[in-house]
């Protein structure tokens, strides 16, 4: 969700929805649920000049149920994104 917050610093969600070809409700719902789909995360990252692949992985991990594997991968991705 840090990605969506960064996007909002550039322009509002309605403008992003139009730019990405989404309904306005799609991004507002994502904000409310605190979860972006991997495809939307990748598109936003690309528009913001960030690594789309990394953000796709982060969004995919966020959608996983809690487990030891998820915890492990979230920690690993956190280290990658900090570099």
PDB file of N, CA and C in Angstrom:
ATOM      1  N   UNK A   1       0.813  -1.190   0.000  1.00  0.00           N
ATOM      2  CA  UNK A   1       0.000   0.000   0.000  1.00  0.00           C
ATOM      3  C   UNK A   1       0.860   1.259   0.000  1.00  0.00           C
ATOM      4  N   UNK A   2       2.144   1.125   0.298  1.00  0.00           N
ATOM      5  CA  UNK A   2       3.038   2.271   0.181  1.00  0.00           C
ATOM      6  C   UNK A   2       3.064   2.781  -1.253  1.00  0.00           C
ATOM      7  N   UNK A   3       2.895   1.887  -2.194  1.00  0.00           N
ATOM      8  CA  UNK A   3       2.902   2.262  -3.607  1.00  0.00           C
ATOM      9  C   UNK A   3       1.700   3.138  -3.936  1.00  0.00           C
ATOM     10  N   UNK A   4       0.546   2.796  -3.428  1.00  0.00           N
ATOM     11  CA  UNK A   4      -0.651   3.588  -3.682  1.00  0.00           C
ATOM     12  C   UNK A   4      -0.530   4.971  -3.033  1.00  0.00           C
ATOM     13  N   UNK A   5       0.038   5.027  -1.855  1.00  0.00           N
ATOM     14  CA  UNK A   5       0.264   6.311  -1.190  1.00  0.00           C
ATOM     15  C   UNK A   5       1.227   7.178  -2.001  1.00  0.00           C
ATOM     16  N   UNK A   6       2.264   6.553  -2.548  1.00  0.00           N
ATOM     17  CA  UNK A   6       3.210   7.294  -3.388  1.00  0.00           C
ATOM     18  C   UNK A   6       2.519   7.808  -4.644  1.00  0.00           C
ATOM     19  N   UNK A   7       1.656   6.988  -5.213  1.00  0.00           N
ATOM     20  CA  UNK A   7       0.920   7.408  -6.406  1.00  0.00           C
ATOM     21  C   UNK A   7       0.013   8.600  -6.101  1.00  0.00           C
ATOM     22  N   UNK A   8      -0.607   8.582  -4.934  1.00  0.00           N
ATOM     23  CA  UNK A   8      -1.490   9.691  -4.546  1.00  0.00           C
ATOM     24  C   UNK A   8      -0.734  10.997  -4.348  1.00  0.00           C
ATOM     25  N   UNK A   9       0.553  10.920  -4.070  1.00  0.00           N
ATOM     26  CA  UNK A   9       1.359  12.139  -3.944  1.00  0.00           C
ATOM     27  C   UNK A   9       1.546  12.811  -5.301  1.00  0.00           C
ATOM     28  N   UNK A  10       1.420  12.029  -6.363  1.00  0.00           N
ATOM     29  CA  UNK A  10       1.602  12.542  -7.720  1.00  0.00           C
ATOM     30  C   UNK A  10       0.297  13.084  -8.279  1.00  0.00           C
ATOM     31  N   UNK A  11      -0.767  12.290  -8.156  1.00  0.00           N
ATOM     32  CA  UNK A  11      -2.093  12.729  -8.606  1.00  0.00           C
ATOM     33  C   UNK A  11      -3.151  11.913  -7.875  1.00  0.00           C
ATOM     34  N   UNK A  12      -4.403  12.368  -7.932  1.00  0.00           N
ATOM     35  CA  UNK A  12      -5.453  11.675  -7.185  1.00  0.00           C
ATOM     36  C   UNK A  12      -5.834  10.350  -7.845  1.00  0.00           C
ATOM     37  N   UNK A  13      -6.560   9.538  -7.091  1.00  0.00           N
ATOM     38  CA  UNK A  13      -6.895   8.199  -7.561  1.00  0.00           C
ATOM     39  C   UNK A  13      -7.766   8.203  -8.810  1.00  0.00           C
ATOM     40  N   UNK A  14      -8.635   9.189  -8.944  1.00  0.00           N
ATOM     41  CA  UNK A  14      -9.467   9.279 -10.151  1.00  0.00           C
ATOM     42  C   UNK A  14      -8.605   9.458 -11.390  1.00  0.00           C
ATOM     43  N   UNK A  15      -7.591  10.302 -11.282  1.00  0.00           N
ATOM     44  CA  UNK A  15      -6.684  10.529 -12.413  1.00  0.00           C
ATOM     45  C   UNK A  15      -5.893   9.266 -12.730  1.00  0.00           C
ATOM     46  N   UNK A  16      -5.436   8.544 -11.704  1.00  0.00           N
ATOM     47  CA  UNK A  16      -4.708   7.299 -11.931  1.00  0.00           C
ATOM     48  C   UNK A  16      -5.607   6.271 -12.596  1.00  0.00           C
ATOM     49  N   UNK A  17      -6.846   6.183 -12.140  1.00  0.00           N
ATOM     50  CA  UNK A  17      -7.778   5.223 -12.725  1.00  0.00           C
ATOM     51  C   UNK A  17      -7.952   5.492 -14.218  1.00  0.00           C
ATOM     52  N   UNK A  18      -8.125   6.744 -14.569  1.00  0.00           N
ATOM     53  CA  UNK A  18      -8.289   7.107 -15.977  1.00  0.00           C
ATOM     54  C   UNK A  18      -7.017   6.768 -16.772  1.00  0.00           C
ATOM     55  N   UNK A  19      -5.867   7.074 -16.205  1.00  0.00           N
ATOM     56  CA  UNK A  19      -4.592   6.829 -16.886  1.00  0.00           C
ATOM     57  C   UNK A  19      -4.337   5.340 -17.116  1.00  0.00           C
ATOM     58  N   UNK A  20      -4.775   4.509 -16.155  1.00  0.00           N
ATOM     59  CA  UNK A  20      -4.534   3.073 -16.239  1.00  0.00           C
ATOM     60  C   UNK A  20      -5.681   2.313 -16.897  1.00  0.00           C
ATOM     61  N   UNK A  21      -6.748   3.035 -17.237  1.00  0.00           N
ATOM     62  CA  UNK A  21      -7.897   2.386 -17.873  1.00  0.00           C
ATOM     63  C   UNK A  21      -8.734   1.565 -16.905  1.00  0.00           C
ATOM     64  N   UNK A  22      -8.785   2.008 -15.655  1.00  0.00           N
ATOM     65  CA  UNK A  22      -9.565   1.322 -14.625  1.00  0.00           C
ATOM     66  C   UNK A  22     -10.790   2.144 -14.259  1.00  0.00           C
ATOM     67  N   UNK A  23     -11.743   1.497 -13.622  1.00  0.00           N
ATOM     68  CA  UNK A  23     -12.868   2.260 -13.080  1.00  0.00           C
ATOM     69  C   UNK A  23     -12.355   3.032 -11.863  1.00  0.00           C
ATOM     70  N   UNK A  24     -12.974   4.150 -11.565  1.00  0.00           N
ATOM     71  CA  UNK A  24     -12.557   4.928 -10.394  1.00  0.00           C
ATOM     72  C   UNK A  24     -12.661   4.076  -9.134  1.00  0.00           C
ATOM     73  N   UNK A  25     -13.726   3.278  -9.081  1.00  0.00           N
ATOM     74  CA  UNK A  25     -13.972   2.479  -7.886  1.00  0.00           C
ATOM     75  C   UNK A  25     -12.870   1.465  -7.620  1.00  0.00           C
ATOM     76  N   UNK A  26     -12.191   0.990  -8.654  1.00  0.00           N
ATOM     77  CA  UNK A  26     -11.157  -0.030  -8.482  1.00  0.00           C
ATOM     78  C   UNK A  26     -10.056   0.429  -7.527  1.00  0.00           C
ATOM     79  N   UNK A  27      -9.550   1.625  -7.715  1.00  0.00           N
ATOM     80  CA  UNK A  27      -8.467   2.106  -6.851  1.00  0.00           C
ATOM     81  C   UNK A  27      -8.978   2.528  -5.473  1.00  0.00           C
ATOM     82  N   UNK A  28     -10.178   3.071  -5.416  1.00  0.00           N
ATOM     83  CA  UNK A  28     -10.738   3.437  -4.115  1.00  0.00           C
ATOM     84  C   UNK A  28     -10.997   2.173  -3.282  1.00  0.00           C
ATOM     85  N   UNK A  29     -11.463   1.112  -3.928  1.00  0.00           N
ATOM     86  CA  UNK A  29     -11.678  -0.158  -3.236  1.00  0.00           C
ATOM     87  C   UNK A  29     -10.344  -0.741  -2.777  1.00  0.00           C
ATOM     88  N   UNK A  30      -9.337  -0.673  -3.628  1.00  0.00           N
ATOM     89  CA  UNK A  30      -8.009  -1.167  -3.251  1.00  0.00           C
ATOM     90  C   UNK A  30      -7.479  -0.411  -2.035  1.00  0.00           C
ATOM     91  N   UNK A  31      -7.692   0.887  -2.016  1.00  0.00           N
ATOM     92  CA  UNK A  31      -7.238   1.688  -0.880  1.00  0.00           C
ATOM     93  C   UNK A  31      -7.981   1.281   0.389  1.00  0.00           C
ATOM     94  N   UNK A  32      -9.285   1.114   0.286  1.00  0.00           N
ATOM     95  CA  UNK A  32     -10.102   0.736   1.434  1.00  0.00           C
ATOM     96  C   UNK A  32      -9.695  -0.641   1.962  1.00  0.00           C
ATOM     97  N   UNK A  33      -9.477  -1.588   1.056  1.00  0.00           N
ATOM     98  CA  UNK A  33      -9.118  -2.957   1.448  1.00  0.00           C
ATOM     99  C   UNK A  33      -7.638  -3.106   1.773  1.00  0.00           C
ATOM    100  N   UNK A  34      -6.866  -2.059   1.474  1.00  0.00           N
ATOM    101  CA  UNK A  34      -5.422  -2.058   1.709  1.00  0.00           C
ATOM    102  C   UNK A  34      -4.729  -3.189   0.945  1.00  0.00           C
ATOM    103  N   UNK A  35      -5.135  -3.334  -0.336  1.00  0.00           N
ATOM    104  CA  UNK A  35      -4.532  -4.371  -1.172  1.00  0.00           C
ATOM    105  C   UNK A  35      -4.672  -4.009  -2.646  1.00  0.00           C
ATOM    106  N   UNK A  36      -3.559  -4.012  -3.353  1.00  0.00           N
ATOM    107  CA  UNK A  36      -3.557  -3.824  -4.806  1.00  0.00           C
ATOM    108  C   UNK A  36      -3.384  -5.179  -5.471  1.00  0.00           C
ATOM    109  N   UNK A  37      -4.028  -5.361  -6.607  1.00  0.00           N
ATOM    110  CA  UNK A  37      -3.777  -6.582  -7.370  1.00  0.00           C
ATOM    111  C   UNK A  37      -2.363  -6.483  -7.933  1.00  0.00           C
ATOM    112  N   UNK A  38      -1.731  -7.615  -8.207  1.00  0.00           N
ATOM    113  CA  UNK A  38      -0.385  -7.575  -8.791  1.00  0.00           C
ATOM    114  C   UNK A  38      -0.330  -6.796 -10.108  1.00  0.00           C
ATOM    115  N   UNK A  39      -1.341  -6.939 -10.943  1.00  0.00           N
ATOM    116  CA  UNK A  39      -1.334  -6.235 -12.227  1.00  0.00           C
ATOM    117  C   UNK A  39      -1.407  -4.724 -12.033  1.00  0.00           C
ATOM    118  N   UNK A  40      -2.264  -4.263 -11.141  1.00  0.00           N
ATOM    119  CA  UNK A  40      -2.395  -2.827 -10.887  1.00  0.00           C
ATOM    120  C   UNK A  40      -1.128  -2.302 -10.215  1.00  0.00           C
ATOM    121  N   UNK A  41      -0.577  -3.078  -9.285  1.00  0.00           N
ATOM    122  CA  UNK A  41       0.668  -2.665  -8.624  1.00  0.00           C
ATOM    123  C   UNK A  41       1.791  -2.507  -9.642  1.00  0.00           C
ATOM    124  N   UNK A  42       1.884  -3.442 -10.571  1.00  0.00           N
ATOM    125  CA  UNK A  42       2.919  -3.356 -11.599  1.00  0.00           C
ATOM    126  C   UNK A  42       2.741  -2.152 -12.495  1.00  0.00           C
ATOM    127  N   UNK A  43       1.503  -1.883 -12.885  1.00  0.00           N
ATOM    128  CA  UNK A  43       1.232  -0.732 -13.753  1.00  0.00           C
ATOM    129  C   UNK A  43       1.530   0.588 -13.039  1.00  0.00           C
ATOM    130  N   UNK A  44       1.119   0.689 -11.786  1.00  0.00           N
ATOM    131  CA  UNK A  44       1.404   1.908 -11.019  1.00  0.00           C
ATOM    132  C   UNK A  44       2.909   2.092 -10.832  1.00  0.00           C
ATOM    133  N   UNK A  45       3.595   1.016 -10.472  1.00  0.00           N
ATOM    134  CA  UNK A  45       5.043   1.095 -10.278  1.00  0.00           C
ATOM    135  C   UNK A  45       5.725   1.569 -11.550  1.00  0.00           C
ATOM    136  N   UNK A  46       5.315   1.012 -12.663  1.00  0.00           N
ATOM    137  CA  UNK A  46       5.889   1.397 -13.946  1.00  0.00           C
ATOM    138  C   UNK A  46       5.681   2.885 -14.221  1.00  0.00           C
ATOM    139  N   UNK A  47       4.484   3.372 -13.971  1.00  0.00           N
ATOM    140  CA  UNK A  47       4.184   4.793 -14.182  1.00  0.00           C
ATOM    141  C   UNK A  47       4.985   5.697 -13.248  1.00  0.00           C
ATOM    142  N   UNK A  48       5.295   5.175 -12.057  1.00  0.00           N
ATOM    143  CA  UNK A  48       6.053   5.958 -11.070  1.00  0.00           C
ATOM    144  C   UNK A  48       7.565   5.799 -11.227  1.00  0.00           C
ATOM    145  N   UNK A  49       7.991   5.008 -12.222  1.00  0.00           N
ATOM    146  CA  UNK A  49       9.423   4.818 -12.444  1.00  0.00           C
ATOM    147  C   UNK A  49      10.067   3.857 -11.468  1.00  0.00           C
ATOM    148  N   UNK A  50       9.256   2.993 -10.865  1.00  0.00           N
ATOM    149  CA  UNK A  50       9.777   2.000  -9.927  1.00  0.00           C
ATOM    150  C   UNK A  50       9.845   0.644 -10.625  1.00  0.00           C
ATOM    151  N   UNK A  51      10.489  -0.315  -9.987  1.00  0.00           N
ATOM    152  CA  UNK A  51      10.626  -1.649 -10.553  1.00  0.00           C
ATOM    153  C   UNK A  51       9.283  -2.374 -10.473  1.00  0.00           C
ATOM    154  N   UNK A  52       8.625  -2.545 -11.596  1.00  0.00           N
ATOM    155  CA  UNK A  52       7.298  -3.161 -11.644  1.00  0.00           C
ATOM    156  C   UNK A  52       7.332  -4.599 -11.145  1.00  0.00           C
ATOM    157  N   UNK A  53       8.378  -5.350 -11.500  1.00  0.00           N
ATOM    158  CA  UNK A  53       8.453  -6.755 -11.084  1.00  0.00           C
ATOM    159  C   UNK A  53       8.461  -6.895  -9.567  1.00  0.00           C
ATOM    160  N   UNK A  54       9.198  -6.052  -8.895  1.00  0.00           N
ATOM    161  CA  UNK A  54       9.258  -6.120  -7.434  1.00  0.00           C
ATOM    162  C   UNK A  54       7.900  -5.835  -6.825  1.00  0.00           C
ATOM    163  N   UNK A  55       7.203  -4.844  -7.360  1.00  0.00           N
ATOM    164  CA  UNK A  55       5.901  -4.483  -6.798  1.00  0.00           C
ATOM    165  C   UNK A  55       4.832  -5.513  -7.117  1.00  0.00           C
ATOM    166  N   UNK A  56       4.967  -6.211  -8.234  1.00  0.00           N
ATOM    167  CA  UNK A  56       4.047  -7.307  -8.550  1.00  0.00           C
ATOM    168  C   UNK A  56       4.208  -8.406  -7.502  1.00  0.00           C
ATOM    169  N   UNK A  57       5.454  -8.722  -7.172  1.00  0.00           N
ATOM    170  CA  UNK A  57       5.724  -9.752  -6.164  1.00  0.00           C
ATOM    171  C   UNK A  57       5.187  -9.322  -4.804  1.00  0.00           C
ATOM    172  N   UNK A  58       5.406  -8.092  -4.426  1.00  0.00           N
ATOM    173  CA  UNK A  58       4.913  -7.591  -3.143  1.00  0.00           C
ATOM    174  C   UNK A  58       3.387  -7.712  -3.083  1.00  0.00           C
ATOM    175  N   UNK A  59       2.704  -7.304  -4.130  1.00  0.00           N
ATOM    176  CA  UNK A  59       1.241  -7.383  -4.152  1.00  0.00           C
ATOM    177  C   UNK A  59       0.774  -8.839  -4.067  1.00  0.00           C
ATOM    178  N   UNK A  60       1.469  -9.720  -4.753  1.00  0.00           N
ATOM    179  CA  UNK A  60       1.105 -11.142  -4.693  1.00  0.00           C
ATOM    180  C   UNK A  60       1.289 -11.684  -3.276  1.00  0.00           C
ATOM    181  N   UNK A  61       2.374 -11.327  -2.634  1.00  0.00           N
ATOM    182  CA  UNK A  61       2.614 -11.778  -1.264  1.00  0.00           C
ATOM    183  C   UNK A  61       1.576 -11.231  -0.299  1.00  0.00           C
ATOM    184  N   UNK A  62       1.165  -9.978  -0.504  1.00  0.00           N
ATOM    185  CA  UNK A  62       0.160  -9.384   0.379  1.00  0.00           C
ATOM    186  C   UNK A  62      -1.161 -10.144   0.321  1.00  0.00           C
ATOM    187  N   UNK A  63      -1.449 -10.775  -0.806  1.00  0.00           N
ATOM    188  CA  UNK A  63      -2.727 -11.479  -0.945  1.00  0.00           C
ATOM    189  C   UNK A  63      -2.697 -12.884  -0.350  1.00  0.00           C
ATOM    190  N   UNK A  64      -1.516 -13.378  -0.015  1.00  0.00           N
ATOM    191  CA  UNK A  64      -1.380 -14.717   0.561  1.00  0.00           C
ATOM    192  C   UNK A  64      -1.903 -14.757   1.997  1.00  0.00           C
ATOM    193  N   UNK A  65      -2.401 -15.917   2.360  1.00  0.00           N
ATOM    194  CA  UNK A  65      -2.783 -16.131   3.762  1.00  0.00           C
ATOM    195  C   UNK A  65      -1.511 -16.207   4.598  1.00  0.00           C
ATOM    196  N   UNK A  66      -1.644 -15.879   5.868  1.00  0.00           N
ATOM    197  CA  UNK A  66      -0.490 -15.935   6.763  1.00  0.00           C
ATOM    198  C   UNK A  66       0.027 -17.361   6.876  1.00  0.00           C
ATOM    199  N   UNK A  67       1.324 -17.487   6.742  1.00  0.00           N
ATOM    200  CA  UNK A  67       1.992 -18.780   6.881  1.00  0.00           C
ATOM    201  C   UNK A  67       3.471 -18.526   7.110  1.00  0.00           C
ATOM    202  N   UNK A  68       4.188 -19.566   7.464  1.00  0.00           N
ATOM    203  CA  UNK A  68       5.632 -19.442   7.654  1.00  0.00           C
ATOM    204  C   UNK A  68       6.310 -19.052   6.343  1.00  0.00           C
ATOM    205  N   UNK A  69       5.815 -19.603   5.232  1.00  0.00           N
ATOM    206  CA  UNK A  69       6.406 -19.281   3.928  1.00  0.00           C
ATOM    207  C   UNK A  69       6.175 -17.817   3.567  1.00  0.00           C
ATOM    208  N   UNK A  70       4.970 -17.330   3.836  1.00  0.00           N
ATOM    209  CA  UNK A  70       4.681 -15.927   3.535  1.00  0.00           C
ATOM    210  C   UNK A  70       5.594 -15.029   4.369  1.00  0.00           C
ATOM    211  N   UNK A  71       5.711 -15.320   5.639  1.00  0.00           N
ATOM    212  CA  UNK A  71       6.566 -14.514   6.515  1.00  0.00           C
ATOM    213  C   UNK A  71       7.998 -14.493   5.998  1.00  0.00           C
ATOM    214  N   UNK A  72       8.476 -15.636   5.607  1.00  0.00           N
ATOM    215  CA  UNK A  72       9.845 -15.748   5.079  1.00  0.00           C
ATOM    216  C   UNK A  72      10.023 -14.900   3.823  1.00  0.00           C
ATOM    217  N   UNK A  73       9.089 -14.999   2.894  1.00  0.00           N
ATOM    218  CA  UNK A  73       9.198 -14.281   1.633  1.00  0.00           C
ATOM    219  C   UNK A  73       9.001 -12.772   1.813  1.00  0.00           C
ATOM    220  N   UNK A  74       8.125 -12.379   2.712  1.00  0.00           N
ATOM    221  CA  UNK A  74       7.934 -10.953   2.993  1.00  0.00           C
ATOM    222  C   UNK A  74       9.224 -10.363   3.548  1.00  0.00           C
ATOM    223  N   UNK A  75       9.873 -11.085   4.456  1.00  0.00           N
ATOM    224  CA  UNK A  75      11.159 -10.615   5.001  1.00  0.00           C
ATOM    225  C   UNK A  75      12.199 -10.494   3.892  1.00  0.00           C
ATOM    226  N   UNK A  76      12.250 -11.495   3.032  1.00  0.00           N
ATOM    227  CA  UNK A  76      13.231 -11.485   1.938  1.00  0.00           C
ATOM    228  C   UNK A  76      12.964 -10.316   0.992  1.00  0.00           C
ATOM    229  N   UNK A  77      11.717 -10.102   0.626  1.00  0.00           N
ATOM    230  CA  UNK A  77      11.383  -9.001  -0.285  1.00  0.00           C
ATOM    231  C   UNK A  77      11.633  -7.656   0.381  1.00  0.00           C
ATOM    232  N   UNK A  78      11.417  -7.593   1.689  1.00  0.00           N
ATOM    233  CA  UNK A  78      11.699  -6.354   2.410  1.00  0.00           C
ATOM    234  C   UNK A  78      13.162  -5.985   2.290  1.00  0.00           C
ATOM    235  N   UNK A  79      14.048  -6.965   2.368  1.00  0.00           N
ATOM    236  CA  UNK A  79      15.474  -6.719   2.224  1.00  0.00           C
ATOM    237  C   UNK A  79      15.802  -6.278   0.801  1.00  0.00           C
ATOM    238  N   UNK A  80      15.174  -6.903  -0.173  1.00  0.00           N
ATOM    239  CA  UNK A  80      15.421  -6.555  -1.578  1.00  0.00           C
ATOM    240  C   UNK A  80      14.967  -5.134  -1.854  1.00  0.00           C
ATOM    241  N   UNK A  81      13.787  -4.768  -1.372  1.00  0.00           N
ATOM    242  CA  UNK A  81      13.245  -3.437  -1.627  1.00  0.00           C
ATOM    243  C   UNK A  81      14.009  -2.351  -0.883  1.00  0.00           C
ATOM    244  N   UNK A  82      14.712  -2.701   0.169  1.00  0.00           N
ATOM    245  CA  UNK A  82      15.489  -1.712   0.920  1.00  0.00           C
ATOM    246  C   UNK A  82      16.803  -1.393   0.243  1.00  0.00           C
ATOM    247  N   UNK A  83      17.275  -2.256  -0.650  1.00  0.00           N
ATOM    248  CA  UNK A  83      18.566  -2.038  -1.297  1.00  0.00           C
ATOM    249  C   UNK A  83      18.537  -0.869  -2.245  1.00  0.00           C
TER     250      UNK A  83
END
